[in-house]
């Protein structure tokens, strides 16, 4: 498999999800990822469940098993001058630094971008950005979702706002940042500038960018968008519908083309010419009626049958899967969307495969998430040039 970022070295100073996920994306495209962790405790993600257990019965984070994979673990105490000097030495022979400390922390430790080599591309993750009135406010995924307005839109209109089921802000920030990193690397290398740059990755910004028409409608129409559950205010029929066997089927029939196809699937072609549903605006206005008709139709069928009829008519639709459904799906197996990672603590564990992929190629499984400090001696000797005696002294002093 061709790995376009082979030969690139990334220093990952992040913790939990957002900054490390940026590194993970670069790593799955071939970069060497050196993760710097605090001695003794390590990345906080190592402490979060759910847990498997190692051979000694000790709990082991499956969250870490997934998000710590594909990198080398080096323990360095960055709060101490000796540790800061080690970081500067590592950075000299690296290409990218990814960090997620509170703004100003690296400046206090004398390892901010202005004190590192100018060829580096640095991605700095925080909740609110490197400057501004809220820059020092601490927060994680939920804070970004709340501030950006996405949580206000999530859930049913007659219920409190709901948190989406996964860490959207953290992962999405990592994706945007990885793209920005590669853009600066292209400018540095392909265009020959020789200098990197600093990327301000504020987590709420990744959510803000995907908020569709929300701000434009507020600006031009005075509209404050609100929760609409699994339906849409601007299009119908759209939503999750309960089948006869108690499953849920999601479908989209908002556009004229999709609605006409849906009418055929339902054996109700006359609905397409009904004045209540004759165009997208009419259907949006009468969404309660058309959604009720679709709900009734789905409720009289098993989910497999409803899905088959909809797919046969090219309606965007499908059963709502849980993880067991997904893992058993023949398409997932055929595409290799789940890979087996050899975790050094608990052995083989099935996880989501790297994404995206080159056409016609199945990505190789990443290396398992490392034990804390597993690669400290290897990296500091090969990259920084420390001797065994020097490593022993740093370890005795608690620097590594």
Protein backbone atom coordinates (compact mmCIF):
# COMPACT_ATOMS: atom_id res chain seq x y z
CA UNK A 1 0.00 0.00 0.00
CA UNK A 2 1.33 3.44 -0.93
CA UNK A 3 1.66 5.69 2.13
CA UNK A 4 2.04 9.29 0.95
CA UNK A 5 3.34 10.66 4.26
CA UNK A 6 6.07 8.04 4.80
CA UNK A 7 9.20 9.72 6.14
CA UNK A 8 7.24 12.43 7.96
CA UNK A 9 7.75 12.65 11.72
CA UNK A 10 5.03 14.04 14.00
CA UNK A 11 5.46 14.91 17.68
CA UNK A 12 2.12 14.41 19.41
CA UNK A 13 1.80 16.42 22.62
CA UNK A 14 -1.96 16.01 22.79
CA UNK A 15 -4.15 14.11 25.20
CA UNK A 16 -7.61 12.54 24.98
CA UNK A 17 -9.07 12.87 21.46
CA UNK A 18 -8.78 15.98 19.31
CA UNK A 19 -5.03 16.59 18.92
CA UNK A 20 -4.14 12.87 19.01
CA UNK A 21 -6.75 12.17 16.33
CA UNK A 22 -5.04 14.67 14.05
CA UNK A 23 -1.83 12.71 14.60
CA UNK A 24 -3.66 9.43 14.03
CA UNK A 25 -4.85 10.54 10.60
CA UNK A 26 -1.33 11.54 9.62
CA UNK A 27 -0.01 8.26 11.01
CA UNK A 28 -2.48 6.15 9.08
CA UNK A 29 -1.19 7.88 5.95
CA UNK A 30 2.37 6.85 6.74
CA UNK A 31 3.84 9.40 9.15
CA UNK A 32 5.85 8.31 12.18
CA UNK A 33 4.01 9.46 15.30
CA UNK A 34 5.97 10.01 18.50
CA UNK A 35 3.57 10.54 21.36
CA UNK A 36 4.96 12.40 24.34
CA UNK A 37 3.25 11.37 27.58
CA UNK A 38 3.57 12.40 31.18
CA UNK A 39 5.66 9.88 33.14
CA UNK A 40 3.75 7.52 35.46
CA UNK A 41 0.22 8.58 34.49
CA UNK A 42 0.36 9.06 30.72
CA UNK A 43 -2.49 10.17 28.47
CA UNK A 44 -5.76 10.58 30.39
CA UNK A 45 -7.46 8.46 27.75
CA UNK A 46 -5.69 5.45 29.24
CA UNK A 47 -7.97 5.85 32.27
CA UNK A 48 -11.34 5.94 30.49
CA UNK A 49 -13.59 2.93 29.98
CA UNK A 50 -14.98 0.65 28.83
CA UNK A 51 -12.36 -1.76 30.04
CA UNK A 52 -11.04 -5.14 29.02
CA UNK A 53 -8.59 -6.87 31.35
CA UNK A 54 -5.02 -7.98 30.83
CA UNK A 55 -3.59 -11.34 31.85
CA UNK A 56 -3.16 -10.11 35.41
CA UNK A 57 -6.78 -8.98 35.65
CA UNK A 58 -5.90 -5.28 35.47
CA UNK A 59 -8.41 -3.01 33.70
CA UNK A 60 -7.35 -1.79 30.27
CA UNK A 61 -9.06 1.02 28.35
CA UNK A 62 -10.55 -0.02 25.03
CA UNK A 63 -10.90 3.69 24.25
CA UNK A 64 -7.12 3.96 24.48
CA UNK A 65 -6.70 0.75 22.48
CA UNK A 66 -8.46 2.42 19.55
CA UNK A 67 -7.22 6.01 19.79
CA UNK A 68 -3.69 5.28 21.01
CA UNK A 69 -2.85 2.95 18.14
CA UNK A 70 -0.28 3.58 15.44
CA UNK A 71 2.24 5.60 17.47
CA UNK A 72 5.28 5.34 19.68
CA UNK A 73 5.03 6.27 23.36
CA UNK A 74 7.82 8.33 24.91
CA UNK A 75 7.54 9.62 28.46
CA UNK A 76 8.98 13.09 29.16
CA UNK A 77 8.18 15.53 31.94
CA UNK A 78 7.70 18.74 29.97
CA UNK A 79 7.34 20.80 33.15
CA UNK A 80 11.06 20.49 33.85
CA UNK A 81 13.88 22.16 31.92
CA UNK A 82 15.59 18.87 31.04
CA UNK A 83 12.37 17.57 29.57
CA UNK A 84 11.85 20.77 27.60
CA UNK A 85 15.32 20.45 26.12
CA UNK A 86 14.57 16.88 25.07
CA UNK A 87 11.43 18.10 23.34
CA UNK A 88 13.36 20.79 21.48
CA UNK A 89 15.87 18.19 20.31
CA UNK A 90 13.12 15.88 19.08
CA UNK A 91 11.37 18.75 17.32
CA UNK A 92 14.56 19.71 15.47
CA UNK A 93 14.40 16.48 13.50
CA UNK A 94 10.61 16.37 13.12
CA UNK A 95 8.13 17.95 10.74
CA UNK A 96 4.97 18.50 12.75
CA UNK A 97 4.08 19.23 16.36
CA UNK A 98 0.51 18.72 17.55
CA UNK A 99 -0.45 20.01 21.00
CA UNK A 100 -3.56 20.50 23.10
CA UNK A 101 -2.47 22.38 26.21
CA UNK A 102 -4.26 25.44 27.54
CA UNK A 103 -3.08 28.51 25.59
CA UNK A 104 0.06 29.96 27.13
CA UNK A 105 1.28 26.69 28.65
CA UNK A 106 3.98 25.96 26.07
CA UNK A 107 5.08 29.60 26.28
CA UNK A 108 5.64 29.19 30.03
CA UNK A 109 7.62 26.03 29.34
CA UNK A 110 9.73 27.70 26.64
CA UNK A 111 8.68 25.18 23.98
CA UNK A 112 6.10 27.22 22.09
CA UNK A 113 6.45 27.52 18.28
CA UNK A 114 8.57 30.68 18.53
CA UNK A 115 11.22 28.69 20.41
CA UNK A 116 11.19 25.67 18.11
CA UNK A 117 12.68 25.21 14.66
CA UNK A 118 11.02 27.40 11.99
CA UNK A 119 10.49 24.48 9.59
CA UNK A 120 7.89 22.92 11.90
CA UNK A 121 4.18 22.90 11.23
CA UNK A 122 2.42 23.23 14.59
CA UNK A 123 -1.26 22.53 15.22
CA UNK A 124 -2.44 24.06 18.50
CA UNK A 125 -5.72 22.67 19.82
CA UNK A 126 -7.94 24.37 22.38
CA UNK A 127 -11.61 24.94 23.03
CA UNK A 128 -11.78 28.67 22.21
CA UNK A 129 -8.55 29.40 20.33
CA UNK A 130 -5.20 30.93 21.17
CA UNK A 131 -6.58 34.41 21.82
CA UNK A 132 -9.82 36.19 22.65
CA UNK A 133 -11.77 36.73 25.92
CA UNK A 134 -12.53 33.02 26.40
CA UNK A 135 -9.18 31.60 25.32
CA UNK A 136 -8.23 30.34 28.78
CA UNK A 137 -11.58 28.69 29.51
CA UNK A 138 -11.21 24.93 29.90
CA UNK A 139 -13.61 22.59 28.13
CA UNK A 140 -13.99 19.49 26.04
CA UNK A 141 -16.35 18.15 23.39
CA UNK A 142 -19.60 19.07 25.14
CA UNK A 143 -18.44 22.62 25.69
CA UNK A 144 -17.74 23.05 21.97
CA UNK A 145 -21.12 21.58 21.06
CA UNK A 146 -22.90 23.86 23.52
CA UNK A 147 -21.08 27.04 22.49
CA UNK A 148 -21.34 26.48 18.73
CA UNK A 149 -25.09 25.86 18.91
CA UNK A 150 -25.12 22.27 17.70
CA UNK A 151 -26.34 20.90 21.01
CA UNK A 152 -29.25 23.35 20.86
CA UNK A 153 -30.29 21.66 17.60
CA UNK A 154 -29.86 18.09 18.81
CA UNK A 155 -32.85 16.15 20.16
CA UNK A 156 -36.62 16.43 20.13
CA UNK A 157 -38.30 19.85 20.22
CA UNK A 158 -40.18 19.07 23.44
CA UNK A 159 -37.14 17.70 25.26
CA UNK A 160 -33.92 19.24 26.59
CA UNK A 161 -30.94 19.49 24.21
CA UNK A 162 -29.13 16.18 23.77
CA UNK A 163 -25.45 15.43 23.43
CA UNK A 164 -24.59 13.48 20.25
CA UNK A 165 -23.41 9.98 21.01
CA UNK A 166 -19.74 10.42 20.07
CA UNK A 167 -17.05 13.06 20.51
CA UNK A 168 -17.92 15.00 17.34
CA UNK A 169 -16.00 18.19 18.15
CA UNK A 170 -12.82 16.33 19.07
CA UNK A 171 -12.77 14.10 16.03
CA UNK A 172 -13.88 16.77 13.58
CA UNK A 173 -11.24 19.19 14.88
CA UNK A 174 -8.64 16.50 14.28
CA UNK A 175 -9.82 16.00 10.70
CA UNK A 176 -9.77 19.71 9.84
CA UNK A 177 -6.36 20.10 11.47
CA UNK A 178 -4.82 17.17 9.58
CA UNK A 179 -5.93 18.76 6.30
CA UNK A 180 -4.45 22.11 7.33
CA UNK A 181 -1.19 20.43 8.37
CA UNK A 182 -0.78 18.77 4.98
CA UNK A 183 -1.54 22.09 3.26
CA UNK A 184 1.27 23.83 5.14
CA UNK A 185 3.62 20.93 4.51
CA UNK A 186 2.87 21.27 0.80
CA UNK A 187 3.65 24.98 0.95
CA UNK A 188 6.86 24.30 2.85
CA UNK A 189 8.14 21.47 0.69
CA UNK A 190 6.56 21.57 -2.76
CA UNK A 191 6.82 25.34 -3.02
CA UNK A 192 10.19 25.40 -1.32
CA UNK A 193 9.51 28.02 1.36
CA UNK A 194 11.32 25.97 4.00
CA UNK A 195 9.16 27.38 6.77
CA UNK A 196 6.18 25.82 8.46
CA UNK A 197 3.45 27.66 10.29
CA UNK A 198 1.11 27.59 13.26
CA UNK A 199 -2.52 26.44 13.01
CA UNK A 200 -5.07 27.66 15.56
CA UNK A 201 -7.45 24.72 15.96
CA UNK A 202 -10.32 25.87 18.17
CA UNK A 203 -12.75 23.03 18.73
CA UNK A 204 -15.96 25.00 18.48
CA UNK A 205 -14.79 26.19 15.06
CA UNK A 206 -14.98 22.70 13.60
CA UNK A 207 -18.63 22.52 14.61
CA UNK A 208 -19.36 26.07 13.49
CA UNK A 209 -18.15 25.24 9.99
CA UNK A 210 -20.76 22.47 9.57
CA UNK A 211 -23.74 24.43 10.89
CA UNK A 212 -25.25 24.63 7.39
CA UNK A 213 -27.51 27.66 6.84
CA UNK A 214 -28.02 28.46 10.54
CA UNK A 215 -26.09 31.73 10.70
CA UNK A 216 -27.14 32.97 7.26
CA UNK A 217 -30.81 32.46 8.13
CA UNK A 218 -30.35 34.35 11.39
CA UNK A 219 -28.64 37.18 9.56
CA UNK A 220 -31.10 37.58 6.68
CA UNK A 221 -34.33 36.21 8.14
CA UNK A 222 -33.96 36.72 11.87
CA UNK A 223 -34.49 32.97 12.26
CA UNK A 224 -33.29 31.12 15.33
CA UNK A 225 -33.04 27.49 14.34
CA UNK A 226 -34.39 25.00 16.88
CA UNK A 227 -34.56 21.27 17.51
CA UNK A 228 -36.73 19.28 15.12
CA UNK A 229 -36.06 15.72 16.28
CA UNK A 230 -35.57 13.21 13.52
CA UNK A 231 -37.57 15.24 11.01
CA UNK A 232 -36.73 18.48 9.23
CA UNK A 233 -38.61 21.76 9.21
CA UNK A 234 -37.53 22.53 5.65
CA UNK A 235 -38.16 19.18 3.96
CA UNK A 236 -40.52 16.22 4.18
CA UNK A 237 -40.85 13.33 4.38
CA UNK A 238 -37.61 12.79 6.26
CA UNK A 239 -37.09 10.82 9.42
CA UNK A 240 -36.88 7.58 11.35
CA UNK A 241 -39.94 5.37 11.06
CA UNK A 242 -40.80 2.34 13.22
CA UNK A 243 -41.29 -0.93 11.37
CA UNK A 244 -43.65 -3.78 12.22
CA UNK A 245 -40.85 -5.78 13.83
CA UNK A 246 -39.78 -2.90 16.07
CA UNK A 247 -36.80 -1.71 14.07
CA UNK A 248 -36.23 1.80 12.70
CA UNK A 249 -35.95 2.71 9.05
CA UNK A 250 -34.48 6.04 8.02
CA UNK A 251 -35.50 7.57 4.71
CA UNK A 252 -35.28 10.85 2.81
CA UNK A 253 -38.05 11.88 0.42
CA UNK A 254 -37.73 15.65 0.54
CA UNK A 255 -36.72 16.43 -3.04
CA UNK A 256 -39.16 16.04 -5.90
CA UNK A 257 -37.25 13.13 -7.43
CA UNK A 258 -36.93 11.23 -4.17
CA UNK A 259 -40.55 11.88 -3.24
CA UNK A 260 -41.83 10.50 -6.53
CA UNK A 261 -39.67 7.41 -6.04
CA UNK A 262 -40.99 7.04 -2.50
CA UNK A 263 -44.56 7.20 -3.78
CA UNK A 264 -43.78 4.34 -6.16
CA UNK A 265 -42.21 2.29 -3.37
CA UNK A 266 -45.33 2.83 -1.26
CA UNK A 267 -47.64 1.97 -4.19
CA UNK A 268 -49.13 5.43 -3.75
CA UNK A 269 -48.21 7.24 -7.00
CA UNK A 270 -51.21 9.58 -6.63
CA UNK A 271 -49.53 11.32 -3.69
CA UNK A 272 -47.02 12.90 -6.05
CA UNK A 273 -49.79 14.95 -7.68
CA UNK A 274 -51.71 15.71 -4.48
CA UNK A 275 -51.64 19.49 -4.09
CA UNK A 276 -50.64 19.13 -0.43
CA UNK A 277 -47.44 17.36 -1.51
CA UNK A 278 -46.95 18.54 -5.07
CA UNK A 279 -43.66 20.33 -4.41
CA UNK A 280 -40.99 20.64 -1.74
CA UNK A 281 -42.49 23.77 -0.17
CA UNK A 282 -45.95 22.19 0.06
CA UNK A 283 -44.55 19.05 1.63
CA UNK A 284 -42.58 21.05 4.18
CA UNK A 285 -45.75 22.97 5.08
CA UNK A 286 -47.76 19.74 5.37
CA UNK A 287 -44.94 17.68 6.84
CA UNK A 288 -47.02 16.30 9.70
CA UNK A 289 -49.48 14.75 7.26
CA UNK A 290 -46.98 13.23 4.85
CA UNK A 291 -44.73 11.99 7.65
CA UNK A 292 -47.73 10.29 9.23
CA UNK A 293 -48.56 8.55 5.95
CA UNK A 294 -45.01 7.29 5.57
CA UNK A 295 -44.94 6.18 9.21
CA UNK A 296 -48.13 4.20 8.70
CA UNK A 297 -46.72 2.50 5.61
CA UNK A 298 -43.45 1.51 7.32
CA UNK A 299 -45.32 0.29 10.41
CA UNK A 300 -47.10 -2.33 8.31
CA UNK A 301 -43.83 -3.86 7.06
CA UNK A 302 -40.84 -5.56 8.61
CA UNK A 303 -37.71 -3.43 8.39
CA UNK A 304 -36.02 -5.71 5.85
CA UNK A 305 -39.04 -5.53 3.55
CA UNK A 306 -39.39 -1.75 3.86
CA UNK A 307 -35.69 -1.26 3.17
CA UNK A 308 -35.78 -3.57 0.16
CA UNK A 309 -38.72 -1.75 -1.41
CA UNK A 310 -37.16 1.65 -0.84
CA UNK A 311 -33.74 0.64 -2.16
CA UNK A 312 -35.34 -0.97 -5.22
CA UNK A 313 -36.88 2.41 -6.06
CA UNK A 314 -33.62 4.31 -5.39
CA UNK A 315 -34.93 6.10 -2.31
CA UNK A 316 -32.13 7.05 0.15
CA UNK A 317 -33.08 4.74 2.99
CA UNK A 318 -31.87 2.03 5.31
CA UNK A 319 -32.34 0.27 8.59
CA UNK A 320 -30.76 2.01 11.56
CA UNK A 321 -27.89 -0.19 12.67
CA UNK A 322 -26.38 -0.73 16.07
CA UNK A 323 -22.76 -1.86 16.26
CA UNK A 324 -23.68 -5.56 16.15
CA UNK A 325 -25.66 -5.01 12.94
CA UNK A 326 -22.78 -3.11 11.40
CA UNK A 327 -20.14 -5.67 12.34
CA UNK A 328 -22.21 -8.47 10.79
CA UNK A 329 -23.02 -6.67 7.53
CA UNK A 330 -21.73 -8.35 4.38
CA UNK A 331 -20.73 -5.03 2.81
CA UNK A 332 -18.58 -4.18 5.84
CA UNK A 333 -16.86 -7.56 5.60
CA UNK A 334 -16.34 -7.25 1.86
CA UNK A 335 -14.83 -3.79 2.16
CA UNK A 336 -12.60 -4.54 5.15
CA UNK A 337 -14.09 -1.73 7.23
CA UNK A 338 -13.19 -3.53 10.45
CA UNK A 339 -9.61 -4.65 10.97
CA UNK A 340 -7.87 -6.68 13.65
CA UNK A 341 -5.28 -4.75 15.62
CA UNK A 342 -2.66 -6.60 17.68
CA UNK A 343 -2.84 -4.80 20.99
CA UNK A 344 0.29 -5.39 23.12
CA UNK A 345 -1.78 -5.65 26.31
CA UNK A 346 -4.91 -7.63 25.39
CA UNK A 347 -3.96 -9.20 22.06
CA UNK A 348 -6.08 -9.12 18.89
CA UNK A 349 -9.02 -6.74 19.00
CA UNK A 350 -11.32 -5.75 16.16
CA UNK A 351 -11.49 -2.02 15.49
CA UNK A 352 -12.52 0.36 12.74
CA UNK A 353 -10.06 0.33 9.85
CA UNK A 354 -8.12 3.43 8.76
CA UNK A 355 -10.04 5.89 6.60
CA UNK A 356 -9.98 7.06 3.84
CA UNK A 357 -8.33 4.60 1.50
CA UNK A 358 -6.90 4.48 -1.98
CA UNK A 359 -9.22 2.97 -4.57
CA UNK A 360 -8.80 -0.78 -4.80
CA UNK A 361 -6.69 -1.06 -1.66
CA UNK A 362 -7.60 -2.31 1.80
CA UNK A 363 -5.65 -0.35 4.42
CA UNK A 364 -3.28 -2.26 6.64
CA UNK A 365 -4.17 -2.55 10.31
CA UNK A 366 -2.27 -0.03 12.46
CA UNK A 367 0.12 -1.10 15.17
CA UNK A 368 -1.54 -1.54 18.54
CA UNK A 369 -1.64 1.25 21.11
CA UNK A 370 1.71 1.26 22.92
CA UNK A 371 2.34 0.63 26.57
CA UNK A 372 3.22 3.80 28.47
CA UNK A 373 6.81 4.75 27.65
CA UNK A 374 7.31 1.66 25.49
CA UNK A 375 9.49 3.52 22.97
CA UNK A 376 11.24 6.04 25.24
CA UNK A 377 14.72 4.53 25.02
CA UNK A 378 14.41 3.67 21.34
CA UNK A 379 13.38 7.17 20.27
CA UNK A 380 15.65 9.17 22.56
CA UNK A 381 18.67 7.11 21.57
CA UNK A 382 18.01 6.97 17.82
CA UNK A 383 16.61 10.48 17.30
CA UNK A 384 18.26 12.55 20.03
CA UNK A 385 21.40 10.42 20.34
CA UNK A 386 21.32 9.77 24.08
CA UNK A 387 23.48 7.00 25.51
CA UNK A 388 22.26 4.28 27.85
CA UNK A 389 23.99 6.05 30.72
CA UNK A 390 22.24 9.33 29.93
CA UNK A 391 18.88 7.58 29.69
CA UNK A 392 19.45 5.92 33.06
CA UNK A 393 20.25 9.28 34.61
CA UNK A 394 17.14 10.94 33.19
CA UNK A 395 15.03 8.06 34.40
CA UNK A 396 16.50 8.24 37.87
CA UNK A 397 15.68 11.94 38.00
CA UNK A 398 12.08 11.34 36.89
CA UNK A 399 12.51 13.29 33.64
CA UNK A 400 11.52 10.27 31.55
